[in-house]
Amino acid sequence: MPWFIGFFVLTLIPMISSLYLSFTDFDLLTPSKWVGLANYDTMFNHDPRYIKSLQVTFTYVFSSVPLKLAFALLVAILMNKGMRGLGLYRTIYYIPTLLGGSVAISVLWRKMFGGGGVVNSFLLDYFGIQAPDWVSNPKYALSSLVALSVWQFGSSMIIFLAGLKQIPQDYYEASQIDGAGKFKQFMSITIPMLSPIILFNLIMQIISSFQAFTPAFIVSGGKGGPLDSTMFYTLYLYLKGFSFFEMGYASAMAWVLLVIIGIFTAVIFASSKHWVTYGDGGE
């Protein structure tokens, strides 16, 4: 019963309400007014800032997810070599995942990548490079958020590490007898055996990246700047709903985001039959 109460009160009823509001003009202060598909028409045909938020979000997702998964897999492989203090290293690498989405870390990141921040001071003192103000330059602001996302690779790394430990060593020994090198073993044994784990991590990270909000909000001062270069979809949704009081429009944006995530998830699942191999040999 507690689960059903939470599901209906906190999830299902708000979802149905937001679906209805997406077809209305609602400013949070006056009764909603039915406008049909007007919000969706404005969204795709008359709101260039919305299109910009889509572009920024897609760039962020397509940049951060592959880099994060690649880095997580690399670290997991290194940690799978049987090093001492493995538990300590796992904890250290997992901490950024716990802290990365917090306001404090986002503020710290803004200070680090600012004009006089630690990153620029390091580049200047040790390499003589005069780096730009990363978070205030439209060319590099989004890159700093991608770096923050990649820094939070801990959860994917832990899952990859668990998957690596489940691969029988007999496979590697047999392939070594046949003359296979490290790269061949990685491509023919490690990747196929880890493919279900890669599928899981890929879907989870894509969903998480599309929903990213706090870093963009804090680093840009809640405005998505400079020049909307960090205007994430969720940030623009927030601004529309709670700054401009266009809750009907924001609700429409939320449902479009749900559809986008659903399409990406469905495409990945549909393609998985061509590249995911399970332990029993099935696909």
Protein backbone atom coordinates (compact mmCIF):
# COMPACT_ATOMS: atom_id res chain seq x y z
CA MET A 1 0.00 0.00 0.00
CA PRO A 2 2.72 2.60 0.77
CA TRP A 3 4.27 1.89 -2.65
CA PHE A 4 0.93 2.31 -4.44
CA ILE A 5 0.23 5.55 -2.59
CA GLY A 6 3.64 6.90 -3.56
CA PHE A 7 3.22 5.76 -7.17
CA PHE A 8 -0.19 7.35 -7.66
CA VAL A 9 0.36 10.53 -5.61
CA LEU A 10 3.96 11.30 -6.57
CA THR A 11 4.24 9.82 -10.07
CA LEU A 12 1.11 8.86 -11.99
CA ILE A 13 -1.20 11.76 -11.05
CA PRO A 14 1.51 14.43 -11.63
CA MET A 15 2.29 12.84 -15.02
CA ILE A 16 -1.35 12.92 -16.09
CA SER A 17 -1.66 16.49 -14.84
CA SER A 18 1.42 17.59 -16.77
CA LEU A 19 0.10 15.91 -19.92
CA TYR A 20 -3.11 17.91 -19.62
CA LEU A 21 -1.22 21.13 -18.86
CA SER A 22 0.90 20.65 -21.98
CA PHE A 23 -2.22 21.49 -24.01
CA THR A 24 -3.00 24.60 -21.99
CA ASP A 25 -1.80 28.12 -21.33
CA PHE A 26 -1.03 28.06 -17.61
CA ASP A 27 0.96 30.67 -15.66
CA LEU A 28 0.68 29.12 -12.17
CA LEU A 29 -1.39 32.10 -10.96
CA THR A 30 -4.58 31.94 -13.02
CA PRO A 31 -6.72 29.01 -14.20
CA SER A 32 -5.34 27.13 -17.16
CA LYS A 33 -6.76 27.81 -20.64
CA TRP A 34 -7.00 25.08 -23.28
CA VAL A 35 -4.91 25.90 -26.37
CA GLY A 36 -4.59 22.49 -28.01
CA LEU A 37 -1.32 21.95 -29.86
CA ALA A 38 -0.27 25.60 -29.69
CA ASN A 39 2.58 24.90 -27.24
CA TYR A 40 4.02 22.21 -29.48
CA ASP A 41 3.66 24.39 -32.58
CA THR A 42 5.47 27.26 -30.84
CA MET A 43 8.13 24.91 -29.60
CA PHE A 44 9.20 23.56 -32.99
CA ASN A 45 8.31 26.45 -35.31
CA HIS A 46 8.56 29.73 -33.40
CA ASP A 47 11.09 29.30 -30.60
CA PRO A 48 14.73 29.38 -31.77
CA ARG A 49 15.93 29.23 -28.19
CA TYR A 50 14.20 25.86 -27.78
CA ILE A 51 15.96 24.56 -30.89
CA LYS A 52 19.23 25.85 -29.45
CA SER A 53 18.58 23.94 -26.22
CA LEU A 54 18.08 20.78 -28.26
CA GLN A 55 21.36 21.34 -30.10
CA VAL A 56 23.28 21.96 -26.89
CA THR A 57 21.77 18.93 -25.18
CA PHE A 58 22.45 16.59 -28.09
CA THR A 59 26.04 17.84 -28.30
CA TYR A 60 26.46 17.27 -24.58
CA VAL A 61 24.99 13.75 -24.70
CA PHE A 62 26.94 12.62 -27.77
CA SER A 63 30.18 14.03 -26.31
CA SER A 64 29.98 13.08 -22.66
CA VAL A 65 28.48 9.58 -22.81
CA PRO A 66 31.11 7.94 -25.09
CA LEU A 67 33.96 9.65 -23.25
CA LYS A 68 32.62 8.67 -19.84
CA LEU A 69 32.07 5.03 -20.81
CA ALA A 70 35.48 4.76 -22.50
CA PHE A 71 37.25 6.26 -19.49
CA ALA A 72 35.27 4.08 -17.06
CA LEU A 73 36.15 0.95 -19.02
CA LEU A 74 39.83 1.92 -19.19
CA VAL A 75 40.06 2.46 -15.42
CA ALA A 76 38.09 -0.75 -14.75
CA ILE A 77 40.55 -2.75 -16.88
CA LEU A 78 43.50 -1.24 -15.01
CA MET A 79 41.90 -2.01 -11.66
CA ASN A 80 41.15 -5.57 -12.74
CA LYS A 81 44.88 -6.37 -12.76
CA GLY A 82 44.80 -7.41 -9.11
CA MET A 83 46.39 -4.33 -7.56
CA ARG A 84 46.71 -3.87 -3.82
CA GLY A 85 44.18 -1.70 -2.01
CA LEU A 86 41.52 -2.30 -4.68
CA GLY A 87 38.70 -1.42 -2.30
CA LEU A 88 40.30 1.93 -1.49
CA TYR A 89 40.75 2.80 -5.17
CA ARG A 90 37.17 1.83 -5.96
CA THR A 91 35.96 4.13 -3.20
CA ILE A 92 38.15 7.03 -4.35
CA TYR A 93 37.01 6.73 -7.95
CA TYR A 94 33.36 6.36 -6.95
CA ILE A 95 33.28 9.50 -4.78
CA PRO A 96 32.98 11.90 -7.78
CA THR A 97 29.81 10.07 -8.84
CA LEU A 98 28.27 10.74 -5.43
CA LEU A 99 29.33 14.40 -5.37
CA GLY A 100 29.33 15.36 -9.04
CA GLY A 101 25.66 16.31 -9.27
CA SER A 102 25.73 18.50 -6.17
CA VAL A 103 25.56 22.28 -6.10
CA ALA A 104 28.85 22.50 -4.17
CA ILE A 105 30.80 20.58 -6.83
CA SER A 106 29.26 22.68 -9.60
CA VAL A 107 30.34 25.85 -7.80
CA LEU A 108 33.82 24.38 -7.32
CA TRP A 109 33.97 23.47 -11.01
CA ARG A 110 33.02 27.03 -11.97
CA LYS A 111 35.85 28.36 -9.82
CA MET A 112 38.36 25.85 -11.15
CA PHE A 113 37.65 26.62 -14.82
CA GLY A 114 37.26 30.37 -14.37
CA GLY A 115 39.75 32.89 -15.76
CA GLY A 116 41.92 32.81 -12.63
CA GLY A 117 41.04 29.28 -11.59
CA VAL A 118 43.24 26.34 -10.72
CA VAL A 119 43.18 24.88 -14.25
CA ASN A 120 44.37 28.08 -15.91
CA SER A 121 46.97 28.71 -13.23
CA PHE A 122 48.36 25.19 -13.69
CA LEU A 123 48.55 25.57 -17.48
CA LEU A 124 50.25 28.94 -17.16
CA ASP A 125 52.75 28.02 -14.43
CA TYR A 126 53.86 24.64 -15.82
CA PHE A 127 53.33 24.94 -19.58
CA GLY A 128 53.25 28.69 -20.21
CA ILE A 129 49.80 28.42 -21.80
CA GLN A 130 47.46 31.39 -21.42
CA ALA A 131 44.15 29.56 -21.37
CA PRO A 132 40.78 31.27 -21.80
CA ASP A 133 38.06 31.66 -19.19
CA TRP A 134 36.48 28.30 -19.92
CA VAL A 135 33.07 28.91 -18.38
CA SER A 136 32.67 32.42 -19.82
CA ASN A 137 33.74 31.62 -23.37
CA PRO A 138 30.96 30.32 -25.66
CA LYS A 139 33.45 28.09 -27.45
CA TYR A 140 34.53 26.22 -24.33
CA ALA A 141 31.74 26.55 -21.75
CA LEU A 142 30.01 23.35 -22.83
CA SER A 143 33.34 21.50 -22.87
CA SER A 144 33.82 22.27 -19.17
CA LEU A 145 30.45 20.63 -18.44
CA VAL A 146 31.42 17.62 -20.54
CA ALA A 147 34.61 17.34 -18.48
CA LEU A 148 32.53 17.46 -15.28
CA SER A 149 30.34 14.65 -16.59
CA VAL A 150 33.31 12.48 -17.57
CA TRP A 151 34.82 13.06 -14.12
CA GLN A 152 31.77 11.26 -12.68
CA PHE A 153 32.67 7.90 -14.22
CA GLY A 154 32.65 5.98 -10.94
CA SER A 155 29.31 4.18 -11.19
CA SER A 156 29.99 2.91 -14.72
CA MET A 157 33.49 1.86 -13.69
CA ILE A 158 32.19 -0.22 -10.77
CA ILE A 159 29.72 -1.99 -13.05
CA PHE A 160 32.39 -2.60 -15.70
CA LEU A 161 34.75 -3.94 -13.04
CA ALA A 162 32.11 -6.39 -11.82
CA GLY A 163 31.57 -7.55 -15.40
CA LEU A 164 35.30 -8.02 -16.01
CA LYS A 165 35.59 -10.25 -12.98
CA GLN A 166 32.90 -12.52 -14.41
CA ILE A 167 34.85 -13.26 -17.61
CA PRO A 168 36.54 -16.69 -17.31
CA GLN A 169 40.32 -16.47 -17.52
CA ASP A 170 40.29 -19.68 -19.55
CA TYR A 171 39.21 -17.66 -22.58
CA TYR A 172 42.27 -15.45 -22.37
CA GLU A 173 44.62 -18.38 -21.78
CA ALA A 174 43.23 -20.31 -24.74
CA SER A 175 43.48 -17.28 -27.04
CA GLN A 176 47.05 -16.64 -25.89
CA ILE A 177 47.99 -20.19 -26.84
CA ASP A 178 46.49 -19.52 -30.27
CA GLY A 179 48.74 -16.47 -30.60
CA ALA A 180 46.24 -13.71 -29.91
CA GLY A 181 47.71 -10.43 -28.65
CA LYS A 182 46.29 -8.07 -26.06
CA PHE A 183 44.35 -6.00 -28.58
CA LYS A 184 42.90 -9.10 -30.24
CA GLN A 185 41.86 -10.46 -26.84
CA PHE A 186 40.25 -7.14 -25.97
CA MET A 187 38.23 -6.99 -29.20
CA SER A 188 37.35 -10.70 -29.41
CA ILE A 189 36.81 -11.58 -25.75
CA THR A 190 36.51 -8.57 -23.46
CA ILE A 191 34.15 -6.45 -25.55
CA PRO A 192 31.76 -9.29 -26.54
CA MET A 193 31.61 -10.63 -22.99
CA LEU A 194 31.04 -7.12 -21.62
CA SER A 195 28.45 -6.17 -24.26
CA PRO A 196 25.42 -6.64 -21.92
CA ILE A 197 27.16 -4.40 -19.37
CA ILE A 198 27.96 -1.86 -22.09
CA LEU A 199 24.29 -1.88 -23.11
CA PHE A 200 23.15 -1.23 -19.54
CA ASN A 201 25.68 1.53 -18.91
CA LEU A 202 24.95 3.14 -22.27
CA ILE A 203 21.21 3.37 -21.64
CA MET A 204 21.60 4.61 -18.07
CA GLN A 205 24.15 7.27 -19.02
CA ILE A 206 22.09 8.52 -21.96
CA ILE A 207 19.03 8.92 -19.76
CA SER A 208 21.10 10.64 -17.08
CA SER A 209 22.76 12.99 -19.59
CA PHE A 210 19.47 14.09 -21.11
CA GLN A 211 18.24 14.94 -17.61
CA ALA A 212 21.38 16.86 -16.55
CA PHE A 213 20.47 20.15 -14.91
CA THR A 214 22.46 21.21 -11.84
CA PRO A 215 25.89 21.72 -13.48
CA ALA A 216 24.47 23.90 -16.27
CA PHE A 217 22.33 25.88 -13.84
CA ILE A 218 25.18 26.63 -11.44
CA VAL A 219 28.01 27.16 -13.93
CA SER A 220 25.92 29.49 -16.11
CA GLY A 221 24.32 31.32 -13.20
CA GLY A 222 20.92 29.90 -14.12
CA LYS A 223 20.86 31.62 -17.53
CA GLY A 224 22.43 29.05 -19.86
CA GLY A 225 25.12 31.47 -20.96
CA PRO A 226 27.31 32.62 -22.41
CA LEU A 227 25.20 33.06 -25.55
CA ASP A 228 23.06 30.04 -24.59
CA SER A 229 26.09 27.77 -25.05
CA THR A 230 25.12 25.83 -21.89
CA MET A 231 21.35 26.08 -22.31
CA PHE A 232 20.51 22.47 -21.52
CA TYR A 233 17.03 21.25 -22.33
CA THR A 234 16.16 20.81 -18.66
CA LEU A 235 17.48 24.26 -17.82
CA TYR A 236 15.33 25.89 -20.49
CA LEU A 237 12.37 23.85 -19.24
CA TYR A 238 13.01 25.18 -15.73
CA LEU A 239 13.27 28.76 -16.95
CA LYS A 240 10.06 28.49 -18.91
CA GLY A 241 8.15 26.98 -16.02
CA PHE A 242 9.47 28.84 -12.99
CA SER A 243 11.05 32.03 -14.31
CA PHE A 244 8.67 32.94 -17.14
CA PHE A 245 5.67 31.18 -15.54
CA GLU A 246 4.82 29.33 -18.75
CA MET A 247 4.00 26.05 -17.05
CA GLY A 248 1.91 24.75 -19.94
CA TYR A 249 4.84 25.24 -22.30
CA ALA A 250 7.22 23.65 -19.79
CA SER A 251 4.92 20.64 -19.45
CA ALA A 252 4.94 20.21 -23.24
CA MET A 253 8.73 20.35 -23.18
CA ALA A 254 8.81 17.67 -20.48
CA TRP A 255 6.71 15.31 -22.58
CA VAL A 256 8.82 15.89 -25.67
CA LEU A 257 11.90 15.05 -23.59
CA LEU A 258 10.21 11.83 -22.46
CA VAL A 259 9.57 10.91 -26.09
CA ILE A 260 13.17 11.71 -27.08
CA ILE A 261 14.57 9.52 -24.31
CA GLY A 262 12.11 6.77 -25.22
CA ILE A 263 13.17 6.87 -28.88
CA PHE A 264 16.86 6.69 -28.03
CA THR A 265 16.26 3.81 -25.62
CA ALA A 266 14.16 1.91 -28.16
CA VAL A 267 16.76 2.37 -30.91
CA ILE A 268 19.55 1.13 -28.66
CA PHE A 269 17.52 -1.91 -27.61
CA ALA A 270 16.61 -2.65 -31.24
CA SER A 271 20.25 -2.43 -32.34
CA SER A 272 21.50 -4.52 -29.40
CA LYS A 273 20.60 -7.77 -31.18
CA HIS A 274 23.44 -7.04 -33.60
CA TRP A 275 26.20 -6.37 -31.06
CA VAL A 276 25.20 -7.72 -27.62
CA THR A 277 26.29 -11.29 -26.84
CA TYR A 278 25.13 -13.10 -23.73
CA GLY A 279 26.98 -15.77 -21.79
CA ASP A 280 24.89 -18.59 -23.23
CA GLY A 281 25.83 -17.59 -26.76
CA GLY A 282 22.46 -16.03 -27.49
CA GLU A 283 21.88 -12.51 -28.71
